[in-house]
Amino acid sequence: MRPPQPVWVNLAVAYPVEPSQAYVQEGMDLQAVVPGTLKMWDLTTTGHWVGWAVFAIGNSPASQWLPADALRPRAEPGRSGSSR
């Protein structure tokens, strides 16, 4: 994908967890929606779209394949959203 596209990464979709057991102030927030950059799309063997995205969880950088449902276009001034 050229150029890489700005996206929102929904961590709750990327990292589904069971209902909360407790609130931990210092814990990683896996329910947040964070800004990221989509580098490319690909298809899985089951026909599902996944995107390679770079984003951060708290102060920790991450880059990995994410299900398409976890990614949404993020508008930036002068740029339009992404498409597969």
C-alpha atoms as a PDB file:
ATOM      1  CA  MET A   1       0.000   0.000   0.000  1.00  0.00           C
ATOM      2  CA  ARG A   2       1.558   3.225  -1.079  1.00  0.00           C
ATOM      3  CA  PRO A   3       1.496   5.475   0.737  1.00  0.00           C
ATOM      4  CA  PRO A   4       0.696   3.902   4.118  1.00  0.00           C
ATOM      5  CA  GLN A   5      -2.737   4.943   5.369  1.00  0.00           C
ATOM      6  CA  PRO A   6      -3.691   6.411   8.761  1.00  0.00           C
ATOM      7  CA  VAL A   7      -6.146   4.181  10.635  1.00  0.00           C
ATOM      8  CA  TRP A   8      -7.840   3.771  13.989  1.00  0.00           C
ATOM      9  CA  VAL A   9      -7.026   0.456  15.681  1.00  0.00           C
ATOM     10  CA  ASN A  10      -9.772  -0.900  17.933  1.00  0.00           C
ATOM     11  CA  LEU A  11      -7.825  -2.880  20.527  1.00  0.00           C
ATOM     12  CA  ALA A  12     -11.010  -4.452  21.925  1.00  0.00           C
ATOM     13  CA  VAL A  13     -11.553  -6.137  18.544  1.00  0.00           C
ATOM     14  CA  ALA A  14      -7.869  -6.977  18.082  1.00  0.00           C
ATOM     15  CA  TYR A  15      -7.563  -8.431  21.613  1.00  0.00           C
ATOM     16  CA  PRO A  16     -10.947  -9.786  22.677  1.00  0.00           C
ATOM     17  CA  VAL A  17     -11.059 -10.620  26.389  1.00  0.00           C
ATOM     18  CA  GLU A  18     -13.701 -11.877  28.749  1.00  0.00           C
ATOM     19  CA  PRO A  19     -15.579  -9.434  30.990  1.00  0.00           C
ATOM     20  CA  SER A  20     -13.472  -7.409  33.391  1.00  0.00           C
ATOM     21  CA  GLN A  21     -12.324  -9.147  36.550  1.00  0.00           C
ATOM     22  CA  ALA A  22     -10.895  -6.026  38.155  1.00  0.00           C
ATOM     23  CA  TYR A  23      -9.697  -2.542  37.242  1.00  0.00           C
ATOM     24  CA  VAL A  24      -5.923  -2.193  37.282  1.00  0.00           C
ATOM     25  CA  GLN A  25      -4.856   1.448  36.984  1.00  0.00           C
ATOM     26  CA  GLU A  26      -1.326   0.555  35.764  1.00  0.00           C
ATOM     27  CA  GLY A  27      -2.516  -2.165  33.356  1.00  0.00           C
ATOM     28  CA  MET A  28      -2.527  -2.003  29.552  1.00  0.00           C
ATOM     29  CA  ASP A  29      -5.793  -0.629  28.155  1.00  0.00           C
ATOM     30  CA  LEU A  30      -6.875  -3.221  25.594  1.00  0.00           C
ATOM     31  CA  GLN A  31     -10.286  -1.558  25.208  1.00  0.00           C
ATOM     32  CA  ALA A  32      -8.917   1.660  23.679  1.00  0.00           C
ATOM     33  CA  VAL A  33      -9.093   2.863  20.094  1.00  0.00           C
ATOM     34  CA  VAL A  34      -5.640   4.126  19.123  1.00  0.00           C
ATOM     35  CA  PRO A  35      -4.147   5.782  16.031  1.00  0.00           C
ATOM     36  CA  GLY A  36      -2.043   3.635  13.752  1.00  0.00           C
ATOM     37  CA  THR A  37      -0.666   3.301  10.245  1.00  0.00           C
ATOM     38  CA  LEU A  38      -1.853   0.610   7.851  1.00  0.00           C
ATOM     39  CA  LYS A  39       1.024  -0.690   5.743  1.00  0.00           C
ATOM     40  CA  MET A  40      -0.709  -3.400   3.668  1.00  0.00           C
ATOM     41  CA  TRP A  41      -3.731  -5.686   3.286  1.00  0.00           C
ATOM     42  CA  ASP A  42      -3.688  -9.443   2.734  1.00  0.00           C
ATOM     43  CA  LEU A  43      -6.147 -12.316   2.629  1.00  0.00           C
ATOM     44  CA  THR A  44      -6.060 -15.295   4.968  1.00  0.00           C
ATOM     45  CA  THR A  45      -6.569 -18.868   3.782  1.00  0.00           C
ATOM     46  CA  THR A  46     -10.153 -18.574   5.051  1.00  0.00           C
ATOM     47  CA  GLY A  47     -10.844 -15.479   2.936  1.00  0.00           C
ATOM     48  CA  HIS A  48     -10.700 -12.921   5.742  1.00  0.00           C
ATOM     49  CA  TRP A  49      -8.944  -9.589   5.224  1.00  0.00           C
ATOM     50  CA  VAL A  50      -6.127  -8.679   7.614  1.00  0.00           C
ATOM     51  CA  GLY A  51      -4.042  -5.520   7.696  1.00  0.00           C
ATOM     52  CA  TRP A  52      -0.424  -5.033   8.771  1.00  0.00           C
ATOM     53  CA  ALA A  53      -0.542  -2.050  11.102  1.00  0.00           C
ATOM     54  CA  VAL A  54       1.894  -0.090  13.236  1.00  0.00           C
ATOM     55  CA  PHE A  55       0.411   1.369  16.437  1.00  0.00           C
ATOM     56  CA  ALA A  56       1.095   1.693  20.160  1.00  0.00           C
ATOM     57  CA  ILE A  57      -0.442   0.177  23.257  1.00  0.00           C
ATOM     58  CA  GLY A  58       0.308   2.750  25.921  1.00  0.00           C
ATOM     59  CA  ASN A  59       4.001   3.564  25.478  1.00  0.00           C
ATOM     60  CA  SER A  60       4.816   0.250  23.794  1.00  0.00           C
ATOM     61  CA  PRO A  61       5.131   0.209  19.995  1.00  0.00           C
ATOM     62  CA  ALA A  62       3.483  -2.684  18.159  1.00  0.00           C
ATOM     63  CA  SER A  63       3.279  -3.886  14.579  1.00  0.00           C
ATOM     64  CA  GLN A  64       1.274  -6.934  13.560  1.00  0.00           C
ATOM     65  CA  TRP A  65      -1.471  -8.415  11.405  1.00  0.00           C
ATOM     66  CA  LEU A  66      -4.925  -7.368  12.634  1.00  0.00           C
ATOM     67  CA  PRO A  67      -8.405  -8.449  11.515  1.00  0.00           C
ATOM     68  CA  ALA A  68     -10.062  -5.949   9.180  1.00  0.00           C
ATOM     69  CA  ASP A  69     -12.829  -5.356  11.739  1.00  0.00           C
ATOM     70  CA  ALA A  70     -10.226  -3.849  14.097  1.00  0.00           C
ATOM     71  CA  LEU A  71      -9.198  -1.193  11.545  1.00  0.00           C
ATOM     72  CA  ARG A  72     -11.026   1.976  10.451  1.00  0.00           C
ATOM     73  CA  PRO A  73      -9.836   4.812   8.208  1.00  0.00           C
ATOM     74  CA  ARG A  74      -8.527   7.851  10.091  1.00  0.00           C
ATOM     75  CA  ALA A  75      -8.800  11.174   8.287  1.00  0.00           C
ATOM     76  CA  GLU A  76      -5.783  13.442   8.222  1.00  0.00           C
ATOM     77  CA  PRO A  77      -5.803  16.952   6.777  1.00  0.00           C
ATOM     78  CA  GLY A  78      -5.279  16.731   3.033  1.00  0.00           C
ATOM     79  CA  ARG A  79      -5.630  12.913   2.887  1.00  0.00           C
ATOM     80  CA  SER A  80      -8.575  10.620   2.399  1.00  0.00           C
ATOM     81  CA  GLY A  81      -9.337   7.295   4.145  1.00  0.00           C
ATOM     82  CA  SER A  82      -8.025   3.912   3.001  1.00  0.00           C
ATOM     83  CA  SER A  83      -9.675   1.114   1.111  1.00  0.00           C
ATOM     84  CA  ARG A  84      -8.742  -2.503   0.611  1.00  0.00           C
END
